[in-house]
Amino acid sequence: MQQSVPGGIGPTVAVTEDIQKVVQSVKADVEKVAYRKFEIFHAISYQSQVVSGTKYFIKVVVGDGDDYIHVSIYQPLPHISNKPTVTGVQRDKKLSDNIEYF
């Protein structure tokens, strides 16, 4: 996993297998927030911020064409053993939209 500076947001990087697993683990929660079921749900890039755990800002392709969302996920420190939590969803995004803090 890509590391960021504590308190700061790291650069946008390609998704790793570990990040894809985190995204898949919260798919049902994202669907509830977005009021939509996703047949396609594949993360393509992300930024991270270290904050007593890690906050991820992830670009996810959710449909054919230029159909994307941005998902904010908080993953607690490993010793806490809580699952990742969806903290925000931005809908109606395009591939060209930059990931921003939200």
PDB file of N, CA and C in Angstrom:
ATOM      1  N   MET A   1       0.829  -1.184   0.000  1.00  0.00           N
ATOM      2  CA  MET A   1       0.000   0.000   0.000  1.00  0.00           C
ATOM      3  C   MET A   1       0.872   1.245   0.000  1.00  0.00           C
ATOM      4  N   GLN A   2       0.440   2.244  -0.718  1.00  0.00           N
ATOM      5  CA  GLN A   2       1.139   3.521  -0.788  1.00  0.00           C
ATOM      6  C   GLN A   2       1.012   4.236   0.543  1.00  0.00           C
ATOM      7  N   GLN A   3       2.090   4.802   1.043  1.00  0.00           N
ATOM      8  CA  GLN A   3       2.085   5.525   2.312  1.00  0.00           C
ATOM      9  C   GLN A   3       2.062   7.023   2.056  1.00  0.00           C
ATOM     10  N   SER A   4       1.429   7.758   2.961  1.00  0.00           N
ATOM     11  CA  SER A   4       1.402   9.202   2.836  1.00  0.00           C
ATOM     12  C   SER A   4       2.038   9.821   4.075  1.00  0.00           C
ATOM     13  N   VAL A   5       2.296  11.101   4.013  1.00  0.00           N
ATOM     14  CA  VAL A   5       2.862  11.836   5.122  1.00  0.00           C
ATOM     15  C   VAL A   5       1.791  11.969   6.202  1.00  0.00           C
ATOM     16  N   PRO A   6       2.119  11.709   7.491  1.00  0.00           N
ATOM     17  CA  PRO A   6       1.112  11.841   8.541  1.00  0.00           C
ATOM     18  C   PRO A   6       0.434  13.210   8.491  1.00  0.00           C
ATOM     19  N   GLY A   7      -0.882  13.202   8.444  1.00  0.00           N
ATOM     20  CA  GLY A   7      -1.653  14.440   8.404  1.00  0.00           C
ATOM     21  C   GLY A   7      -1.851  15.001   7.015  1.00  0.00           C
ATOM     22  N   GLY A   8      -0.989  14.653   6.070  1.00  0.00           N
ATOM     23  CA  GLY A   8      -1.111  15.156   4.706  1.00  0.00           C
ATOM     24  C   GLY A   8      -1.709  14.113   3.789  1.00  0.00           C
ATOM     25  N   ILE A   9      -2.159  14.559   2.641  1.00  0.00           N
ATOM     26  CA  ILE A   9      -2.723  13.633   1.654  1.00  0.00           C
ATOM     27  C   ILE A   9      -1.648  13.306   0.635  1.00  0.00           C
ATOM     28  N   GLY A  10      -1.485  12.020   0.383  1.00  0.00           N
ATOM     29  CA  GLY A  10      -0.479  11.569  -0.564  1.00  0.00           C
ATOM     30  C   GLY A  10      -0.906  11.814  -1.999  1.00  0.00           C
ATOM     31  N   PRO A  11      -0.011  11.536  -2.930  1.00  0.00           N
ATOM     32  CA  PRO A  11      -0.320  11.727  -4.351  1.00  0.00           C
ATOM     33  C   PRO A  11      -1.322  10.681  -4.841  1.00  0.00           C
ATOM     34  N   THR A  12      -1.934  10.960  -5.979  1.00  0.00           N
ATOM     35  CA  THR A  12      -2.837   9.993  -6.599  1.00  0.00           C
ATOM     36  C   THR A  12      -1.993   8.882  -7.219  1.00  0.00           C
ATOM     37  N   VAL A  13      -2.318   7.654  -6.865  1.00  0.00           N
ATOM     38  CA  VAL A  13      -1.580   6.496  -7.368  1.00  0.00           C
ATOM     39  C   VAL A  13      -2.551   5.420  -7.832  1.00  0.00           C
ATOM     40  N   ALA A  14      -2.027   4.462  -8.593  1.00  0.00           N
ATOM     41  CA  ALA A  14      -2.834   3.346  -9.076  1.00  0.00           C
ATOM     42  C   ALA A  14      -3.208   2.439  -7.906  1.00  0.00           C
ATOM     43  N   VAL A  15      -4.356   1.808  -8.014  1.00  0.00           N
ATOM     44  CA  VAL A  15      -4.869   0.944  -6.963  1.00  0.00           C
ATOM     45  C   VAL A  15      -4.082  -0.362  -6.902  1.00  0.00           C
ATOM     46  N   THR A  16      -3.832  -0.798  -5.683  1.00  0.00           N
ATOM     47  CA  THR A  16      -3.187  -2.085  -5.440  1.00  0.00           C
ATOM     48  C   THR A  16      -4.262  -3.133  -5.149  1.00  0.00           C
ATOM     49  N   GLU A  17      -3.866  -4.371  -5.089  1.00  0.00           N
ATOM     50  CA  GLU A  17      -4.799  -5.446  -4.758  1.00  0.00           C
ATOM     51  C   GLU A  17      -5.384  -5.237  -3.356  1.00  0.00           C
ATOM     52  N   ASP A  18      -4.557  -4.769  -2.417  1.00  0.00           N
ATOM     53  CA  ASP A  18      -5.040  -4.520  -1.052  1.00  0.00           C
ATOM     54  C   ASP A  18      -6.121  -3.442  -1.017  1.00  0.00           C
ATOM     55  N   ILE A  19      -5.937  -2.368  -1.777  1.00  0.00           N
ATOM     56  CA  ILE A  19      -6.929  -1.295  -1.811  1.00  0.00           C
ATOM     57  C   ILE A  19      -8.212  -1.793  -2.469  1.00  0.00           C
ATOM     58  N   GLN A  20      -8.093  -2.597  -3.521  1.00  0.00           N
ATOM     59  CA  GLN A  20      -9.287  -3.145  -4.172  1.00  0.00           C
ATOM     60  C   GLN A  20     -10.085  -3.999  -3.188  1.00  0.00           C
ATOM     61  N   LYS A  21      -9.385  -4.757  -2.337  1.00  0.00           N
ATOM     62  CA  LYS A  21     -10.078  -5.567  -1.329  1.00  0.00           C
ATOM     63  C   LYS A  21     -10.833  -4.681  -0.343  1.00  0.00           C
ATOM     64  N   VAL A  22     -10.221  -3.565   0.066  1.00  0.00           N
ATOM     65  CA  VAL A  22     -10.893  -2.628   0.972  1.00  0.00           C
ATOM     66  C   VAL A  22     -12.155  -2.090   0.302  1.00  0.00           C
ATOM     67  N   VAL A  23     -12.045  -1.686  -0.967  1.00  0.00           N
ATOM     68  CA  VAL A  23     -13.187  -1.140  -1.697  1.00  0.00           C
ATOM     69  C   VAL A  23     -14.300  -2.184  -1.808  1.00  0.00           C
ATOM     70  N   GLN A  24     -13.959  -3.399  -2.148  1.00  0.00           N
ATOM     71  CA  GLN A  24     -14.970  -4.451  -2.281  1.00  0.00           C
ATOM     72  C   GLN A  24     -15.654  -4.737  -0.948  1.00  0.00           C
ATOM     73  N   SER A  25     -14.913  -4.594   0.150  1.00  0.00           N
ATOM     74  CA  SER A  25     -15.484  -4.888   1.464  1.00  0.00           C
ATOM     75  C   SER A  25     -16.568  -3.894   1.876  1.00  0.00           C
ATOM     76  N   VAL A  26     -16.587  -2.718   1.257  1.00  0.00           N
ATOM     77  CA  VAL A  26     -17.586  -1.698   1.621  1.00  0.00           C
ATOM     78  C   VAL A  26     -18.586  -1.432   0.499  1.00  0.00           C
ATOM     79  N   LYS A  27     -18.597  -2.271  -0.533  1.00  0.00           N
ATOM     80  CA  LYS A  27     -19.479  -2.043  -1.687  1.00  0.00           C
ATOM     81  C   LYS A  27     -20.939  -1.887  -1.272  1.00  0.00           C
ATOM     82  N   ALA A  28     -21.454  -2.760  -0.420  1.00  0.00           N
ATOM     83  CA  ALA A  28     -22.860  -2.687  -0.009  1.00  0.00           C
ATOM     84  C   ALA A  28     -23.150  -1.365   0.705  1.00  0.00           C
ATOM     85  N   ASP A  29     -22.209  -0.896   1.519  1.00  0.00           N
ATOM     86  CA  ASP A  29     -22.385   0.384   2.215  1.00  0.00           C
ATOM     87  C   ASP A  29     -22.402   1.552   1.227  1.00  0.00           C
ATOM     88  N   VAL A  30     -21.536   1.494   0.220  1.00  0.00           N
ATOM     89  CA  VAL A  30     -21.499   2.543  -0.807  1.00  0.00           C
ATOM     90  C   VAL A  30     -22.810   2.555  -1.576  1.00  0.00           C
ATOM     91  N   GLU A  31     -23.336   1.375  -1.919  1.00  0.00           N
ATOM     92  CA  GLU A  31     -24.609   1.301  -2.637  1.00  0.00           C
ATOM     93  C   GLU A  31     -25.747   1.929  -1.822  1.00  0.00           C
ATOM     94  N   LYS A  32     -25.735   1.725  -0.508  1.00  0.00           N
ATOM     95  CA  LYS A  32     -26.770   2.330   0.345  1.00  0.00           C
ATOM     96  C   LYS A  32     -26.672   3.853   0.323  1.00  0.00           C
ATOM     97  N   VAL A  33     -25.468   4.375   0.444  1.00  0.00           N
ATOM     98  CA  VAL A  33     -25.255   5.826   0.453  1.00  0.00           C
ATOM     99  C   VAL A  33     -25.606   6.432  -0.906  1.00  0.00           C
ATOM    100  N   ALA A  34     -25.238   5.730  -1.990  1.00  0.00           N
ATOM    101  CA  ALA A  34     -25.451   6.246  -3.346  1.00  0.00           C
ATOM    102  C   ALA A  34     -26.854   5.959  -3.875  1.00  0.00           C
ATOM    103  N   TYR A  35     -27.647   5.177  -3.152  1.00  0.00           N
ATOM    104  CA  TYR A  35     -28.995   4.800  -3.595  1.00  0.00           C
ATOM    105  C   TYR A  35     -28.960   4.158  -4.982  1.00  0.00           C
ATOM    106  N   ARG A  36     -27.981   3.265  -5.168  1.00  0.00           N
ATOM    107  CA  ARG A  36     -27.796   2.647  -6.482  1.00  0.00           C
ATOM    108  C   ARG A  36     -27.034   1.338  -6.333  1.00  0.00           C
ATOM    109  N   LYS A  37     -27.424   0.330  -7.111  1.00  0.00           N
ATOM    110  CA  LYS A  37     -26.680  -0.933  -7.175  1.00  0.00           C
ATOM    111  C   LYS A  37     -25.659  -0.824  -8.296  1.00  0.00           C
ATOM    112  N   PHE A  38     -24.463  -1.356  -8.060  1.00  0.00           N
ATOM    113  CA  PHE A  38     -23.386  -1.283  -9.048  1.00  0.00           C
ATOM    114  C   PHE A  38     -23.015  -2.667  -9.539  1.00  0.00           C
ATOM    115  N   GLU A  39     -23.208  -2.912 -10.829  1.00  0.00           N
ATOM    116  CA  GLU A  39     -22.753  -4.171 -11.418  1.00  0.00           C
ATOM    117  C   GLU A  39     -21.247  -4.120 -11.629  1.00  0.00           C
ATOM    118  N   ILE A  40     -20.748  -2.941 -11.987  1.00  0.00           N
ATOM    119  CA  ILE A  40     -19.310  -2.712 -12.120  1.00  0.00           C
ATOM    120  C   ILE A  40     -18.894  -1.908 -10.897  1.00  0.00           C
ATOM    121  N   PHE A  41     -17.808  -2.309 -10.236  1.00  0.00           N
ATOM    122  CA  PHE A  41     -17.343  -1.616  -9.033  1.00  0.00           C
ATOM    123  C   PHE A  41     -15.856  -1.900  -8.886  1.00  0.00           C
ATOM    124  N   HIS A  42     -15.052  -1.119  -9.600  1.00  0.00           N
ATOM    125  CA  HIS A  42     -13.616  -1.387  -9.632  1.00  0.00           C
ATOM    126  C   HIS A  42     -12.837  -0.093  -9.387  1.00  0.00           C
ATOM    127  N   ALA A  43     -12.060  -0.076  -8.328  1.00  0.00           N
ATOM    128  CA  ALA A  43     -11.234   1.092  -8.001  1.00  0.00           C
ATOM    129  C   ALA A  43     -10.101   1.221  -9.013  1.00  0.00           C
ATOM    130  N   ILE A  44      -9.766   2.481  -9.380  1.00  0.00           N
ATOM    131  CA  ILE A  44      -8.688   2.668 -10.357  1.00  0.00           C
ATOM    132  C   ILE A  44      -7.549   3.536  -9.848  1.00  0.00           C
ATOM    133  N   SER A  45      -7.826   4.455  -8.927  1.00  0.00           N
ATOM    134  CA  SER A  45      -6.768   5.278  -8.348  1.00  0.00           C
ATOM    135  C   SER A  45      -7.218   5.776  -6.985  1.00  0.00           C
ATOM    136  N   TYR A  46      -6.231   6.222  -6.192  1.00  0.00           N
ATOM    137  CA  TYR A  46      -6.583   6.681  -4.849  1.00  0.00           C
ATOM    138  C   TYR A  46      -5.514   7.605  -4.282  1.00  0.00           C
ATOM    139  N   GLN A  47      -5.922   8.286  -3.222  1.00  0.00           N
ATOM    140  CA  GLN A  47      -5.024   9.065  -2.384  1.00  0.00           C
ATOM    141  C   GLN A  47      -5.268   8.591  -0.962  1.00  0.00           C
ATOM    142  N   SER A  48      -4.284   8.792  -0.089  1.00  0.00           N
ATOM    143  CA  SER A  48      -4.488   8.390   1.299  1.00  0.00           C
ATOM    144  C   SER A  48      -3.960   9.450   2.252  1.00  0.00           C
ATOM    145  N   GLN A  49      -4.486   9.395   3.474  1.00  0.00           N
ATOM    146  CA  GLN A  49      -4.089  10.314   4.530  1.00  0.00           C
ATOM    147  C   GLN A  49      -3.998   9.500   5.821  1.00  0.00           C
ATOM    148  N   VAL A  50      -2.879   9.619   6.532  1.00  0.00           N
ATOM    149  CA  VAL A  50      -2.697   8.911   7.791  1.00  0.00           C
ATOM    150  C   VAL A  50      -3.296   9.750   8.911  1.00  0.00           C
ATOM    151  N   VAL A  51      -4.294   9.178   9.630  1.00  0.00           N
ATOM    152  CA  VAL A  51      -5.003   9.869  10.712  1.00  0.00           C
ATOM    153  C   VAL A  51      -5.488   8.831  11.729  1.00  0.00           C
ATOM    154  N   SER A  52      -4.639   8.402  12.642  1.00  0.00           N
ATOM    155  CA  SER A  52      -5.023   7.350  13.600  1.00  0.00           C
ATOM    156  C   SER A  52      -5.679   6.189  12.861  1.00  0.00           C
ATOM    157  N   GLY A  53      -5.093   5.801  11.817  1.00  0.00           N
ATOM    158  CA  GLY A  53      -5.596   4.842  10.846  1.00  0.00           C
ATOM    159  C   GLY A  53      -5.308   5.467   9.498  1.00  0.00           C
ATOM    160  N   THR A  54      -6.049   5.099   8.497  1.00  0.00           N
ATOM    161  CA  THR A  54      -5.841   5.674   7.169  1.00  0.00           C
ATOM    162  C   THR A  54      -7.175   6.046   6.559  1.00  0.00           C
ATOM    163  N   LYS A  55      -7.221   7.235   5.989  1.00  0.00           N
ATOM    164  CA  LYS A  55      -8.393   7.672   5.240  1.00  0.00           C
ATOM    165  C   LYS A  55      -8.028   7.585   3.763  1.00  0.00           C
ATOM    166  N   TYR A  56      -8.862   6.886   2.989  1.00  0.00           N
ATOM    167  CA  TYR A  56      -8.643   6.715   1.562  1.00  0.00           C
ATOM    168  C   TYR A  56      -9.675   7.517   0.787  1.00  0.00           C
ATOM    169  N   PHE A  57      -9.234   8.123  -0.296  1.00  0.00           N
ATOM    170  CA  PHE A  57     -10.097   8.816  -1.249  1.00  0.00           C
ATOM    171  C   PHE A  57      -9.890   8.077  -2.563  1.00  0.00           C
ATOM    172  N   ILE A  58     -10.911   7.357  -3.021  1.00  0.00           N
ATOM    173  CA  ILE A  58     -10.744   6.380  -4.096  1.00  0.00           C
ATOM    174  C   ILE A  58     -11.680   6.671  -5.261  1.00  0.00           C
ATOM    175  N   LYS A  59     -11.118   6.656  -6.478  1.00  0.00           N
ATOM    176  CA  LYS A  59     -11.917   6.783  -7.705  1.00  0.00           C
ATOM    177  C   LYS A  59     -12.330   5.371  -8.122  1.00  0.00           C
ATOM    178  N   VAL A  60     -13.645   5.184  -8.322  1.00  0.00           N
ATOM    179  CA  VAL A  60     -14.189   3.867  -8.633  1.00  0.00           C
ATOM    180  C   VAL A  60     -15.020   3.956  -9.902  1.00  0.00           C
ATOM    181  N   VAL A  61     -14.740   3.075 -10.862  1.00  0.00           N
ATOM    182  CA  VAL A  61     -15.572   3.001 -12.064  1.00  0.00           C
ATOM    183  C   VAL A  61     -16.788   2.152 -11.698  1.00  0.00           C
ATOM    184  N   VAL A  62     -17.999   2.669 -12.047  1.00  0.00           N
ATOM    185  CA  VAL A  62     -19.233   1.999 -11.634  1.00  0.00           C
ATOM    186  C   VAL A  62     -20.190   1.719 -12.799  1.00  0.00           C
ATOM    187  N   GLY A  63     -19.760   1.996 -14.017  1.00  0.00           N
ATOM    188  CA  GLY A  63     -20.636   1.748 -15.158  1.00  0.00           C
ATOM    189  C   GLY A  63     -19.888   1.864 -16.458  1.00  0.00           C
ATOM    190  N   ASP A  64     -20.601   1.617 -17.535  1.00  0.00           N
ATOM    191  CA  ASP A  64     -20.023   1.753 -18.860  1.00  0.00           C
ATOM    192  C   ASP A  64     -19.766   3.218 -19.170  1.00  0.00           C
ATOM    193  N   GLY A  65     -18.832   3.464 -20.055  1.00  0.00           N
ATOM    194  CA  GLY A  65     -18.546   4.844 -20.442  1.00  0.00           C
ATOM    195  C   GLY A  65     -17.775   5.572 -19.360  1.00  0.00           C
ATOM    196  N   ASP A  66     -18.154   6.793 -19.109  1.00  0.00           N
ATOM    197  CA  ASP A  66     -17.438   7.658 -18.175  1.00  0.00           C
ATOM    198  C   ASP A  66     -18.239   7.798 -16.874  1.00  0.00           C
ATOM    199  N   ASP A  67     -18.537   6.676 -16.231  1.00  0.00           N
ATOM    200  CA  ASP A  67     -19.382   6.640 -15.038  1.00  0.00           C
ATOM    201  C   ASP A  67     -18.538   6.252 -13.824  1.00  0.00           C
ATOM    202  N   TYR A  68     -18.224   7.242 -12.985  1.00  0.00           N
ATOM    203  CA  TYR A  68     -17.348   7.047 -11.837  1.00  0.00           C
ATOM    204  C   TYR A  68     -17.963   7.664 -10.590  1.00  0.00           C
ATOM    205  N   ILE A  69     -17.507   7.197  -9.449  1.00  0.00           N
ATOM    206  CA  ILE A  69     -17.793   7.838  -8.179  1.00  0.00           C
ATOM    207  C   ILE A  69     -16.473   7.989  -7.433  1.00  0.00           C
ATOM    208  N   HIS A  70     -16.455   8.878  -6.444  1.00  0.00           N
ATOM    209  CA  HIS A  70     -15.332   8.984  -5.526  1.00  0.00           C
ATOM    210  C   HIS A  70     -15.842   8.536  -4.167  1.00  0.00           C
ATOM    211  N   VAL A  71     -15.075   7.680  -3.508  1.00  0.00           N
ATOM    212  CA  VAL A  71     -15.471   7.119  -2.228  1.00  0.00           C
ATOM    213  C   VAL A  71     -14.412   7.461  -1.192  1.00  0.00           C
ATOM    214  N   SER A  72     -14.858   7.930  -0.034  1.00  0.00           N
ATOM    215  CA  SER A  72     -13.980   8.186   1.095  1.00  0.00           C
ATOM    216  C   SER A  72     -14.189   7.057   2.100  1.00  0.00           C
ATOM    217  N   ILE A  73     -13.086   6.399   2.491  1.00  0.00           N
ATOM    218  CA  ILE A  73     -13.151   5.256   3.405  1.00  0.00           C
ATOM    219  C   ILE A  73     -12.141   5.467   4.525  1.00  0.00           C
ATOM    220  N   TYR A  74     -12.562   5.220   5.742  1.00  0.00           N
ATOM    221  CA  TYR A  74     -11.656   5.261   6.884  1.00  0.00           C
ATOM    222  C   TYR A  74     -11.352   3.844   7.318  1.00  0.00           C
ATOM    223  N   GLN A  75     -10.055   3.511   7.395  1.00  0.00           N
ATOM    224  CA  GLN A  75      -9.636   2.194   7.861  1.00  0.00           C
ATOM    225  C   GLN A  75      -8.864   2.382   9.164  1.00  0.00           C
ATOM    226  N   PRO A  76      -9.412   1.859  10.289  1.00  0.00           N
ATOM    227  CA  PRO A  76      -8.740   2.010  11.576  1.00  0.00           C
ATOM    228  C   PRO A  76      -7.403   1.278  11.607  1.00  0.00           C
ATOM    229  N   LEU A  77      -6.609   1.597  12.609  1.00  0.00           N
ATOM    230  CA  LEU A  77      -5.346   0.899  12.807  1.00  0.00           C
ATOM    231  C   LEU A  77      -5.614  -0.595  13.004  1.00  0.00           C
ATOM    232  N   PRO A  78      -4.683  -1.448  12.562  1.00  0.00           N
ATOM    233  CA  PRO A  78      -4.908  -2.902  12.614  1.00  0.00           C
ATOM    234  C   PRO A  78      -5.228  -3.452  14.000  1.00  0.00           C
ATOM    235  N   HIS A  79      -4.623  -2.935  15.046  1.00  0.00           N
ATOM    236  CA  HIS A  79      -4.853  -3.486  16.389  1.00  0.00           C
ATOM    237  C   HIS A  79      -6.267  -3.194  16.910  1.00  0.00           C
ATOM    238  N   ILE A  80      -6.960  -2.245  16.298  1.00  0.00           N
ATOM    239  CA  ILE A  80      -8.326  -1.925  16.709  1.00  0.00           C
ATOM    240  C   ILE A  80      -9.299  -2.965  16.164  1.00  0.00           C
ATOM    241  N   SER A  81      -8.950  -3.551  15.050  1.00  0.00           N
ATOM    242  CA  SER A  81      -9.687  -4.637  14.390  1.00  0.00           C
ATOM    243  C   SER A  81     -11.123  -4.295  13.979  1.00  0.00           C
ATOM    244  N   ASN A  82     -11.402  -3.034  13.735  1.00  0.00           N
ATOM    245  CA  ASN A  82     -12.684  -2.659  13.157  1.00  0.00           C
ATOM    246  C   ASN A  82     -12.581  -2.698  11.642  1.00  0.00           C
ATOM    247  N   LYS A  83     -13.699  -2.921  10.996  1.00  0.00           N
ATOM    248  CA  LYS A  83     -13.695  -2.953   9.535  1.00  0.00           C
ATOM    249  C   LYS A  83     -13.666  -1.528   8.972  1.00  0.00           C
ATOM    250  N   PRO A  84     -13.280  -1.384   7.706  1.00  0.00           N
ATOM    251  CA  PRO A  84     -13.298  -0.064   7.059  1.00  0.00           C
ATOM    252  C   PRO A  84     -14.707   0.518   7.037  1.00  0.00           C
ATOM    253  N   THR A  85     -14.795   1.842   7.091  1.00  0.00           N
ATOM    254  CA  THR A  85     -16.069   2.540   7.131  1.00  0.00           C
ATOM    255  C   THR A  85     -16.144   3.558   6.001  1.00  0.00           C
ATOM    256  N   VAL A  86     -17.265   3.593   5.292  1.00  0.00           N
ATOM    257  CA  VAL A  86     -17.496   4.594   4.255  1.00  0.00           C
ATOM    258  C   VAL A  86     -17.811   5.917   4.956  1.00  0.00           C
ATOM    259  N   THR A  87     -17.054   6.965   4.617  1.00  0.00           N
ATOM    260  CA  THR A  87     -17.278   8.275   5.228  1.00  0.00           C
ATOM    261  C   THR A  87     -17.826   9.293   4.236  1.00  0.00           C
ATOM    262  N   GLY A  88     -17.920   8.915   2.962  1.00  0.00           N
ATOM    263  CA  GLY A  88     -18.483   9.814   1.974  1.00  0.00           C
ATOM    264  C   GLY A  88     -18.485   9.209   0.589  1.00  0.00           C
ATOM    265  N   VAL A  89     -19.427   9.665  -0.232  1.00  0.00           N
ATOM    266  CA  VAL A  89     -19.522   9.245  -1.635  1.00  0.00           C
ATOM    267  C   VAL A  89     -19.859  10.469  -2.467  1.00  0.00           C
ATOM    268  N   GLN A  90     -19.090  10.682  -3.519  1.00  0.00           N
ATOM    269  CA  GLN A  90     -19.394  11.744  -4.488  1.00  0.00           C
ATOM    270  C   GLN A  90     -19.809  11.061  -5.785  1.00  0.00           C
ATOM    271  N   ARG A  91     -21.018  11.360  -6.239  1.00  0.00           N
ATOM    272  CA  ARG A  91     -21.562  10.737  -7.457  1.00  0.00           C
ATOM    273  C   ARG A  91     -21.299  11.605  -8.679  1.00  0.00           C
ATOM    274  N   ASP A  92     -21.642  11.068  -9.844  1.00  0.00           N
ATOM    275  CA  ASP A  92     -21.569  11.785 -11.123  1.00  0.00           C
ATOM    276  C   ASP A  92     -20.169  12.302 -11.421  1.00  0.00           C
ATOM    277  N   LYS A  93     -19.171  11.458 -11.223  1.00  0.00           N
ATOM    278  CA  LYS A  93     -17.783  11.821 -11.526  1.00  0.00           C
ATOM    279  C   LYS A  93     -17.386  11.220 -12.867  1.00  0.00           C
ATOM    280  N   LYS A  94     -16.326  11.788 -13.440  1.00  0.00           N
ATOM    281  CA  LYS A  94     -15.770  11.313 -14.713  1.00  0.00           C
ATOM    282  C   LYS A  94     -14.323  10.897 -14.490  1.00  0.00           C
ATOM    283  N   LEU A  95     -13.776  10.155 -15.433  1.00  0.00           N
ATOM    284  CA  LEU A  95     -12.382   9.724 -15.334  1.00  0.00           C
ATOM    285  C   LEU A  95     -11.458  10.922 -15.159  1.00  0.00           C
ATOM    286  N   SER A  96     -11.760  12.018 -15.830  1.00  0.00           N
ATOM    287  CA  SER A  96     -10.886  13.200 -15.788  1.00  0.00           C
ATOM    288  C   SER A  96     -11.000  14.014 -14.500  1.00  0.00           C
ATOM    289  N   ASP A  97     -12.007  13.741 -13.655  1.00  0.00           N
ATOM    290  CA  ASP A  97     -12.162  14.484 -12.404  1.00  0.00           C
ATOM    291  C   ASP A  97     -11.075  14.104 -11.397  1.00  0.00           C
ATOM    292  N   ASN A  98     -10.418  15.105 -10.849  1.00  0.00           N
ATOM    293  CA  ASN A  98      -9.414  14.860  -9.823  1.00  0.00           C
ATOM    294  C   ASN A  98     -10.072  14.421  -8.527  1.00  0.00           C
ATOM    295  N   ILE A  99      -9.377  13.552  -7.813  1.00  0.00           N
ATOM    296  CA  ILE A  99      -9.832  13.163  -6.485  1.00  0.00           C
ATOM    297  C   ILE A  99      -9.478  14.316  -5.549  1.00  0.00           C
ATOM    298  N   GLU A 100     -10.452  14.748  -4.757  1.00  0.00           N
ATOM    299  CA  GLU A 100     -10.223  15.835  -3.810  1.00  0.00           C
ATOM    300  C   GLU A 100     -10.660  15.410  -2.426  1.00  0.00           C
ATOM    301  N   TYR A 101     -10.118  16.049  -1.417  1.00  0.00           N
ATOM    302  CA  TYR A 101     -10.491  15.775  -0.038  1.00  0.00           C
ATOM    303  C   TYR A 101     -11.978  16.084   0.161  1.00  0.00           C
ATOM    304  N   PHE A 102     -12.699  15.159   0.783  1.00  0.00           N
ATOM    305  CA  PHE A 102     -14.099  15.404   1.133  1.00  0.00           C
ATOM    306  C   PHE A 102     -14.464  14.584   2.343  1.00  0.00           C
TER     307      PHE A 102
END
